[in-house]
Amino acid sequence: MNDEELLRYSRHIMLPQIDIEGQEKLLAATVLIIGLGGLGCPAALYLGGAGVGTLLLADGDEVDLSNLQRQVAHENASIGELKVESAARRVLALNPGANVETLPRVLEGEDLAQVVARCDVVLDCTDNFRSRFAINRACAAARVPLVSGAAIRLEGQVAVFDTRREDAPCYRCLYEDSEELDLSCARNGVAARLVGIVGAIEAMEALKLIVGMGESLAGRLLLIDALTMQFREVRLARDPECPVCGDAARA
């Protein structure tokens, strides 16, 4: 690290759990954020500011007026602009030393698999089950840890699915395959600050995974009730019959 980086990341370096070695891991890391909406915006800003060396930002949508209530990387002047371009500009304004790659499309199939394989950590910041199941399959196949967040109305949840660990469940162990449920914010609403809380927790979990500090949310589901500001934890177990990470899939 040069002198400017030592100063920029000095508050991290002061922490014994991170120190210079941990900060260098962050600078060398590649993180994929899928979805630059309410969850992805704060996650991108926090990880970019934290010194993650390469951020891959994936989203095929454009900024809409209704997004600005909660998607803090975008602004009024961004309306009509690709979300990945708007978010990249804000990340680089915060940290010009970051390397930001924009992927202005929905990642699917082999394209998704190839992008995931490049990464140290993937953040799922999408808002639909179809995408979440596809991202989970790609991360499990590549053995890349997945940080998954969701928020709807006044409730949020965060979990880490780290299939590098033999005992760790994946997203499919938690939810049955289904595209019938419509739990989008567009139809149900969401509290603006709640997505910020969830996105910030996702960023923190990613940082911990990269540095190798603390205990991740692998095997745990963190549930957030914003109305009462209560946090609950549910333990998750790997399903040996899971078609994604079960015994047959690992054989």
Protein backbone atom coordinates (compact mmCIF):
# COMPACT_ATOMS: atom_id res chain seq x y z
CA MET A 1 0.00 0.00 0.00
CA ASN A 2 1.12 3.54 -0.71
CA ASP A 3 0.91 6.43 1.76
CA GLU A 4 -2.49 7.59 0.47
CA GLU A 5 -3.96 4.11 0.93
CA LEU A 6 -2.47 3.83 4.41
CA LEU A 7 -4.25 7.05 5.35
CA ARG A 8 -7.52 6.20 3.57
CA TYR A 9 -7.81 2.81 5.27
CA SER A 10 -6.14 3.78 8.57
CA ARG A 11 -9.26 3.11 10.68
CA HIS A 12 -9.39 -0.43 9.32
CA ILE A 13 -5.68 -0.96 9.82
CA MET A 14 -5.98 0.10 13.46
CA LEU A 15 -8.25 -2.88 14.10
CA PRO A 16 -6.21 -5.94 15.09
CA GLN A 17 -8.76 -8.17 13.34
CA ILE A 18 -7.94 -6.44 10.02
CA ASP A 19 -4.53 -4.75 10.24
CA ILE A 20 -2.44 -4.25 7.11
CA GLU A 21 -2.70 -7.91 6.11
CA GLY A 22 -6.49 -7.82 6.12
CA GLN A 23 -6.62 -4.57 4.21
CA GLU A 24 -4.34 -6.03 1.58
CA LYS A 25 -6.76 -8.96 1.24
CA LEU A 26 -9.57 -6.48 0.62
CA LEU A 27 -7.51 -4.64 -1.98
CA ALA A 28 -6.84 -7.94 -3.77
CA ALA A 29 -10.46 -9.18 -3.61
CA THR A 30 -13.11 -9.34 -6.32
CA VAL A 31 -16.73 -9.01 -5.22
CA LEU A 32 -19.83 -9.37 -7.39
CA ILE A 33 -22.96 -7.43 -6.41
CA ILE A 34 -26.05 -8.57 -8.29
CA GLY A 35 -28.80 -5.98 -8.12
CA LEU A 36 -28.12 -2.26 -7.66
CA GLY A 37 -31.37 -1.44 -5.92
CA GLY A 38 -32.12 -0.81 -2.26
CA LEU A 39 -29.74 -3.51 -1.00
CA GLY A 40 -27.01 -3.29 -3.62
CA CYS A 41 -26.59 0.48 -3.43
CA PRO A 42 -25.40 0.69 0.20
CA ALA A 43 -23.44 -2.55 -0.18
CA ALA A 44 -21.57 -1.16 -3.18
CA LEU A 45 -20.79 2.13 -1.46
CA TYR A 46 -19.58 0.48 1.73
CA LEU A 47 -17.45 -2.14 -0.03
CA GLY A 48 -16.03 0.40 -2.46
CA GLY A 49 -15.16 2.70 0.42
CA ALA A 50 -13.71 -0.20 2.40
CA GLY A 51 -11.13 -0.83 -0.31
CA VAL A 52 -12.40 -3.92 -2.13
CA GLY A 53 -10.07 -3.97 -5.12
CA THR A 54 -12.53 -4.97 -7.83
CA LEU A 55 -16.29 -4.53 -7.69
CA LEU A 56 -18.42 -6.17 -10.36
CA LEU A 57 -21.83 -4.48 -10.53
CA ALA A 58 -24.58 -6.40 -12.34
CA ASP A 59 -28.06 -5.06 -13.10
CA GLY A 60 -29.99 -4.62 -16.33
CA ASP A 61 -32.42 -1.96 -15.07
CA GLU A 62 -32.48 1.81 -15.41
CA VAL A 63 -33.01 4.29 -12.59
CA ASP A 64 -36.64 5.26 -12.06
CA LEU A 65 -38.13 8.04 -9.94
CA SER A 66 -39.71 5.48 -7.59
CA ASN A 67 -36.23 4.07 -6.82
CA LEU A 68 -34.91 7.24 -5.21
CA GLN A 69 -36.79 6.76 -1.94
CA ARG A 70 -34.33 4.00 -0.97
CA GLN A 71 -31.61 3.40 -3.60
CA VAL A 72 -28.98 5.73 -2.19
CA ALA A 73 -26.33 5.37 -4.91
CA HIS A 74 -28.66 7.03 -7.43
CA GLU A 75 -29.89 10.61 -7.66
CA ASN A 76 -32.51 12.59 -9.51
CA ALA A 77 -30.13 13.29 -12.37
CA SER A 78 -29.63 9.52 -12.78
CA ILE A 79 -33.23 8.86 -13.86
CA GLY A 80 -33.16 6.94 -17.14
CA GLU A 81 -29.50 5.94 -16.67
CA LEU A 82 -28.41 2.35 -16.21
CA LYS A 83 -28.24 1.55 -12.52
CA VAL A 84 -24.79 0.02 -12.84
CA GLU A 85 -23.41 3.21 -14.41
CA SER A 86 -25.03 5.43 -11.79
CA ALA A 87 -23.75 3.26 -8.93
CA ALA A 88 -20.26 2.96 -10.43
CA ARG A 89 -19.98 6.73 -10.66
CA ARG A 90 -20.88 7.12 -6.99
CA VAL A 91 -18.44 4.42 -5.88
CA LEU A 92 -15.60 6.03 -7.84
CA ALA A 93 -16.47 9.46 -6.45
CA LEU A 94 -16.08 7.95 -2.98
CA ASN A 95 -12.95 5.96 -3.79
CA PRO A 96 -11.17 6.76 -7.08
CA GLY A 97 -8.79 3.87 -6.46
CA ALA A 98 -11.50 1.25 -6.81
CA ASN A 99 -11.73 -0.85 -9.93
CA VAL A 100 -15.42 -1.01 -10.89
CA GLU A 101 -16.69 -3.17 -13.74
CA THR A 102 -20.27 -2.72 -14.89
CA LEU A 103 -22.36 -5.62 -16.18
CA PRO A 104 -25.56 -4.02 -17.54
CA ARG A 105 -27.55 -7.20 -17.96
CA VAL A 106 -29.29 -10.02 -16.16
CA LEU A 107 -26.68 -12.68 -15.46
CA GLU A 108 -27.92 -16.10 -16.47
CA GLY A 109 -26.66 -19.57 -17.38
CA GLU A 110 -23.03 -19.86 -18.44
CA ASP A 111 -22.59 -16.08 -18.28
CA LEU A 112 -23.53 -16.13 -14.59
CA ALA A 113 -21.30 -19.14 -13.92
CA GLN A 114 -18.27 -17.50 -15.54
CA VAL A 115 -18.69 -14.23 -13.66
CA VAL A 116 -19.19 -15.97 -10.31
CA ALA A 117 -16.06 -18.06 -10.87
CA ARG A 118 -14.00 -14.85 -10.97
CA CYS A 119 -15.09 -13.77 -7.51
CA ASP A 120 -14.10 -14.17 -3.87
CA VAL A 121 -17.61 -13.34 -2.63
CA VAL A 122 -21.00 -12.79 -4.27
CA LEU A 123 -23.74 -10.57 -2.86
CA ASP A 124 -27.30 -11.38 -3.89
CA CYS A 125 -29.20 -8.09 -3.73
CA THR A 126 -31.97 -9.12 -6.12
CA ASP A 127 -35.70 -9.12 -5.37
CA ASN A 128 -37.03 -12.27 -7.02
CA PHE A 129 -36.81 -15.99 -6.35
CA ARG A 130 -35.84 -16.96 -9.88
CA SER A 131 -32.63 -14.93 -9.66
CA ARG A 132 -31.87 -16.05 -6.12
CA PHE A 133 -32.08 -19.74 -6.99
CA ALA A 134 -29.90 -19.26 -10.08
CA ILE A 135 -27.28 -17.29 -8.14
CA ASN A 136 -27.26 -19.92 -5.40
CA ARG A 137 -26.70 -22.72 -7.92
CA ALA A 138 -23.80 -20.87 -9.55
CA CYS A 139 -22.14 -20.07 -6.21
CA ALA A 140 -22.55 -23.63 -4.92
CA ALA A 141 -21.07 -25.06 -8.12
CA ALA A 142 -18.06 -22.72 -7.95
CA ARG A 143 -17.72 -23.00 -4.15
CA VAL A 144 -17.88 -19.22 -3.87
CA PRO A 145 -19.48 -17.88 -0.66
CA LEU A 146 -22.82 -16.17 -1.18
CA VAL A 147 -24.17 -13.36 1.00
CA SER A 148 -27.93 -13.19 0.56
CA GLY A 149 -30.19 -10.36 1.70
CA ALA A 150 -33.87 -9.58 1.34
CA ALA A 151 -36.27 -6.90 2.56
CA ILE A 152 -40.01 -6.48 2.17
CA ARG A 153 -42.44 -4.18 3.94
CA LEU A 154 -40.87 -3.85 7.44
CA GLU A 155 -39.02 -7.17 7.57
CA GLY A 156 -35.56 -8.15 6.41
CA GLN A 157 -33.24 -11.12 6.46
CA VAL A 158 -29.57 -11.87 5.83
CA ALA A 159 -27.72 -15.16 5.54
CA VAL A 160 -24.40 -16.48 4.27
CA PHE A 161 -24.28 -19.67 2.22
CA ASP A 162 -20.69 -20.88 2.17
CA THR A 163 -20.53 -24.25 0.44
CA ARG A 164 -16.77 -24.37 0.90
CA ARG A 165 -17.78 -25.77 4.30
CA GLU A 166 -19.03 -29.35 4.17
CA ASP A 167 -21.73 -28.74 6.80
CA ALA A 168 -22.99 -25.42 5.42
CA PRO A 169 -26.46 -25.22 3.83
CA CYS A 170 -27.26 -23.35 0.63
CA TYR A 171 -30.22 -21.13 -0.23
CA ARG A 172 -32.12 -24.10 -1.69
CA CYS A 173 -31.93 -25.84 1.70
CA LEU A 174 -33.94 -22.93 3.11
CA TYR A 175 -36.51 -22.41 0.35
CA GLU A 176 -38.20 -24.76 -2.06
CA ASP A 177 -37.88 -23.88 -5.73
CA SER A 178 -40.78 -21.58 -6.52
CA GLU A 179 -41.39 -18.68 -8.84
CA GLU A 180 -45.02 -18.29 -7.84
CA LEU A 181 -44.54 -16.03 -4.83
CA ASP A 182 -44.57 -12.34 -5.69
CA LEU A 183 -42.82 -10.62 -2.82
CA SER A 184 -41.42 -7.68 -4.75
CA CYS A 185 -41.19 -4.23 -3.23
CA ALA A 186 -43.15 -2.87 -6.19
CA ARG A 187 -46.23 -4.83 -5.11
CA ASN A 188 -45.78 -4.87 -1.35
CA GLY A 189 -43.78 -1.76 -0.44
CA VAL A 190 -40.68 -1.51 1.74
CA ALA A 191 -39.33 0.85 4.38
CA ALA A 192 -36.49 2.84 2.87
CA ARG A 193 -34.10 2.63 5.81
CA LEU A 194 -34.65 -1.11 6.23
CA VAL A 195 -32.94 -1.88 2.92
CA GLY A 196 -30.01 0.22 4.08
CA ILE A 197 -29.69 -1.88 7.23
CA VAL A 198 -29.81 -5.13 5.26
CA GLY A 199 -27.39 -3.89 2.59
CA ALA A 200 -24.92 -2.71 5.24
CA ILE A 201 -25.04 -6.10 7.00
CA GLU A 202 -24.41 -7.82 3.66
CA ALA A 203 -21.35 -5.60 3.15
CA MET A 204 -20.08 -6.43 6.64
CA GLU A 205 -20.48 -10.16 6.06
CA ALA A 206 -18.59 -9.87 2.77
CA LEU A 207 -15.77 -7.99 4.47
CA LYS A 208 -15.53 -10.66 7.19
CA LEU A 209 -15.38 -13.45 4.61
CA ILE A 210 -12.63 -11.73 2.65
CA VAL A 211 -10.48 -10.86 5.65
CA GLY A 212 -11.21 -14.15 7.43
CA MET A 213 -12.29 -12.62 10.71
CA GLY A 214 -15.07 -13.30 13.17
CA GLU A 215 -17.96 -15.69 12.63
CA SER A 216 -20.01 -15.35 9.46
CA LEU A 217 -23.75 -15.94 9.17
CA ALA A 218 -23.08 -19.29 7.48
CA GLY A 219 -25.61 -21.73 8.89
CA ARG A 220 -27.65 -18.89 10.42
CA LEU A 221 -30.53 -16.76 9.18
CA LEU A 222 -30.72 -13.28 10.69
CA LEU A 223 -34.29 -11.96 10.81
CA ILE A 224 -34.94 -8.24 11.25
CA ASP A 225 -38.24 -6.73 12.41
CA ALA A 226 -37.91 -3.01 11.75
CA LEU A 227 -41.22 -2.21 13.43
CA THR A 228 -39.96 -3.35 16.83
CA MET A 229 -36.24 -3.22 15.91
CA GLN A 230 -35.77 -6.79 17.06
CA PHE A 231 -33.22 -9.17 15.59
CA ARG A 232 -33.78 -12.93 15.75
CA GLU A 233 -31.56 -15.77 14.61
CA VAL A 234 -32.58 -19.11 13.16
CA ARG A 235 -30.09 -21.94 12.83
CA LEU A 236 -29.98 -23.59 9.40
CA ALA A 237 -28.87 -27.12 8.61
CA ARG A 238 -27.75 -28.54 5.29
CA ASP A 239 -30.37 -30.73 3.67
CA PRO A 240 -28.66 -33.98 2.58
CA GLU A 241 -31.38 -34.35 -0.08
CA CYS A 242 -30.86 -30.83 -1.45
CA PRO A 243 -30.49 -30.98 -5.26
CA VAL A 244 -27.90 -28.17 -5.15
CA CYS A 245 -25.62 -28.98 -2.19
CA GLY A 246 -26.87 -32.35 -0.92
CA ASP A 247 -24.92 -35.58 -0.78
CA ALA A 248 -25.74 -36.60 -4.35
CA ALA A 249 -24.78 -33.18 -5.71
CA ARG A 250 -21.43 -33.28 -3.91
CA ALA A 251 -20.60 -36.85 -4.95
